[in-house]
Amino acid sequence: MELLRTGFVTVVIASALVARAAPAQEVPRRASGLWQIAVTVSGQPTPSPGQYCIDGATDDLALTAGGGLPQKDCSEARVIPVAGGFLIESVCKLGNSTVTSRGEFKGDLAASYAGDLEAKYSPPLYGRREVKSRIEGRLLGPCGQ
């Protein structure tokens, strides 16, 4: 059951954060360093936060926040700047499902961020049609200490 829950969390976050910005938009990047990231998924036990060493120069929030499961088949994907944060919207294929995701994040990405995500699956993925989750990240300091 733990493996299914862990895989499900990874799929939820990766599919929701997959949005790639259009060339004219700047993709948000976290500051370099050791980040603690906590993900809470509706209807699932709260896992322990994970720690990730992030390189701000190459960070791709879309691919790393949920464990790095990439989505490459997206018909729509956009990052929309808003006051104090950004919105992510995407429509992607994951296996046989179409994943429609929307997330709103607040924070400066230099020290911390938090966001709520909603992903809808058609047909259902792992028996679920919709998943709501909360992601919170904070910079702990330099990597390797």
Protein backbone atom coordinates (compact mmCIF):
# COMPACT_ATOMS: atom_id res chain seq x y z
CA MET A 1 0.00 0.00 0.00
CA GLU A 2 2.90 2.36 0.79
CA LEU A 3 4.35 1.90 -2.71
CA LEU A 4 0.97 2.65 -4.31
CA ARG A 5 0.55 5.78 -2.15
CA THR A 6 4.08 6.97 -2.91
CA GLY A 7 3.63 6.37 -6.64
CA PHE A 8 0.26 8.10 -6.58
CA VAL A 9 1.71 11.18 -4.84
CA THR A 10 4.51 11.34 -7.40
CA VAL A 11 2.07 11.05 -10.30
CA VAL A 12 -0.22 13.73 -8.83
CA ILE A 13 2.52 16.25 -8.27
CA ALA A 14 4.43 15.61 -11.48
CA SER A 15 1.32 15.82 -13.61
CA ALA A 16 0.13 18.96 -11.88
CA LEU A 17 3.48 20.73 -12.08
CA VAL A 18 4.32 19.79 -15.61
CA ALA A 19 3.38 23.11 -17.17
CA ARG A 20 6.02 24.52 -19.45
CA ALA A 21 6.00 28.23 -20.09
CA ALA A 22 5.75 29.70 -23.55
CA PRO A 23 9.05 31.17 -24.75
CA ALA A 24 8.03 34.69 -23.71
CA GLN A 25 7.33 33.60 -20.13
CA GLU A 26 9.90 33.01 -17.42
CA VAL A 27 9.61 29.61 -15.78
CA PRO A 28 9.77 30.07 -12.00
CA ARG A 29 12.95 28.63 -10.47
CA ARG A 30 13.80 27.95 -6.86
CA ALA A 31 16.97 29.30 -5.29
CA SER A 32 19.95 26.94 -5.19
CA GLY A 33 20.28 24.89 -2.03
CA LEU A 34 18.71 22.16 0.08
CA TRP A 35 14.91 22.34 -0.02
CA GLN A 36 12.45 20.57 2.22
CA ILE A 37 9.25 19.75 0.33
CA ALA A 38 6.08 18.45 1.94
CA VAL A 39 3.15 17.14 -0.09
CA THR A 40 -0.27 16.49 1.40
CA VAL A 41 -2.72 14.65 -0.87
CA SER A 42 -6.43 14.54 -0.08
CA GLY A 43 -7.50 11.17 1.26
CA GLN A 44 -3.92 9.98 1.85
CA PRO A 45 -1.79 9.77 5.00
CA THR A 46 0.60 12.70 5.35
CA PRO A 47 4.08 11.56 4.33
CA SER A 48 7.28 12.88 5.82
CA PRO A 49 8.75 15.86 3.94
CA GLY A 50 11.51 15.07 1.47
CA GLN A 51 14.77 16.95 1.07
CA TYR A 52 16.12 17.83 -2.38
CA CYS A 53 19.32 19.56 -3.47
CA ILE A 54 18.22 22.11 -6.10
CA ASP A 55 20.44 23.89 -8.61
CA GLY A 56 18.73 27.25 -9.23
CA ALA A 57 20.39 27.63 -12.62
CA THR A 58 18.85 24.42 -14.00
CA ASP A 59 15.83 23.96 -11.72
CA ASP A 60 12.69 22.85 -13.50
CA LEU A 61 9.96 23.09 -10.89
CA ALA A 62 7.67 21.22 -13.27
CA LEU A 63 9.81 18.09 -13.21
CA THR A 64 11.44 17.99 -9.79
CA ALA A 65 8.92 18.91 -7.13
CA GLY A 66 7.22 15.56 -7.15
CA GLY A 67 10.14 13.25 -7.61
CA GLY A 68 10.96 13.86 -11.25
CA LEU A 69 8.33 11.89 -13.17
CA PRO A 70 8.26 13.87 -16.44
CA GLN A 71 5.23 14.48 -18.60
CA LYS A 72 6.08 15.00 -22.23
CA ASP A 73 2.70 14.81 -23.94
CA CYS A 74 1.00 18.08 -23.01
CA SER A 75 -1.49 19.76 -25.33
CA GLU A 76 -1.69 22.79 -23.04
CA ALA A 77 0.79 24.08 -20.50
CA ARG A 78 1.26 27.55 -19.11
CA VAL A 79 2.70 29.42 -16.16
CA ILE A 80 0.80 32.62 -15.38
CA PRO A 81 2.41 35.21 -13.08
CA VAL A 82 0.10 36.61 -10.39
CA ALA A 83 0.71 38.94 -7.46
CA GLY A 84 3.04 37.17 -5.05
CA GLY A 85 3.22 33.93 -7.03
CA PHE A 86 2.08 32.07 -10.12
CA LEU A 87 -0.60 29.79 -11.54
CA ILE A 88 0.14 26.58 -13.40
CA GLU A 89 -2.38 25.10 -15.82
CA SER A 90 -1.85 22.03 -17.97
CA VAL A 91 -3.54 19.27 -19.94
CA CYS A 92 -1.31 16.22 -20.35
CA LYS A 93 -1.46 12.51 -21.09
CA LEU A 94 -0.33 10.08 -18.40
CA GLY A 95 -0.68 6.51 -19.58
CA ASN A 96 -4.26 6.17 -20.78
CA SER A 97 -5.51 9.15 -18.74
CA THR A 98 -5.79 12.80 -19.66
CA VAL A 99 -4.72 14.91 -16.67
CA THR A 100 -6.14 18.42 -16.39
CA SER A 101 -4.31 20.31 -13.65
CA ARG A 102 -4.47 23.72 -12.05
CA GLY A 103 -2.31 24.99 -9.23
CA GLU A 104 -1.84 28.29 -7.48
CA PHE A 105 1.45 28.95 -5.70
CA LYS A 106 2.51 31.82 -3.45
CA GLY A 107 6.00 32.68 -2.36
CA ASP A 108 9.19 34.11 -3.76
CA LEU A 109 10.95 30.78 -4.48
CA ALA A 110 14.08 32.30 -2.88
CA ALA A 111 13.15 31.01 0.58
CA SER A 112 9.71 29.35 0.52
CA TYR A 113 6.59 28.61 -1.46
CA ALA A 114 3.23 26.94 -0.93
CA GLY A 115 0.49 25.95 -3.31
CA ASP A 116 -2.73 24.09 -3.79
CA LEU A 117 -3.18 21.77 -6.76
CA GLU A 118 -6.16 20.11 -8.32
CA ALA A 119 -5.75 17.33 -10.87
CA LYS A 120 -8.62 15.69 -12.74
CA TYR A 121 -8.11 12.34 -14.50
CA SER A 122 -10.13 10.98 -17.41
CA PRO A 123 -10.42 8.03 -17.26
CA PRO A 124 -9.62 7.71 -13.55
CA LEU A 125 -6.01 7.02 -12.52
CA TYR A 126 -5.47 4.54 -9.67
CA GLY A 127 -9.26 4.58 -9.24
CA ARG A 128 -9.47 8.34 -8.64
CA ARG A 129 -11.06 10.97 -10.86
CA GLU A 130 -9.83 13.98 -8.91
CA VAL A 131 -7.03 14.69 -6.47
CA LYS A 132 -6.41 17.81 -4.42
CA SER A 133 -3.06 18.37 -2.84
CA ARG A 134 -1.00 20.95 -0.99
CA ILE A 135 2.73 21.46 -1.59
CA GLU A 136 4.96 23.44 0.74
CA GLY A 137 8.67 24.00 0.21
CA ARG A 138 11.28 25.87 2.18
CA LEU A 139 14.97 26.46 1.70
CA LEU A 140 17.01 24.88 4.50
CA GLY A 141 20.46 26.14 3.44
CA PRO A 142 23.33 25.08 1.23
CA CYS A 143 23.47 21.52 -0.11
CA GLY A 144 25.83 19.01 1.44
CA GLN A 145 25.89 20.32 5.00
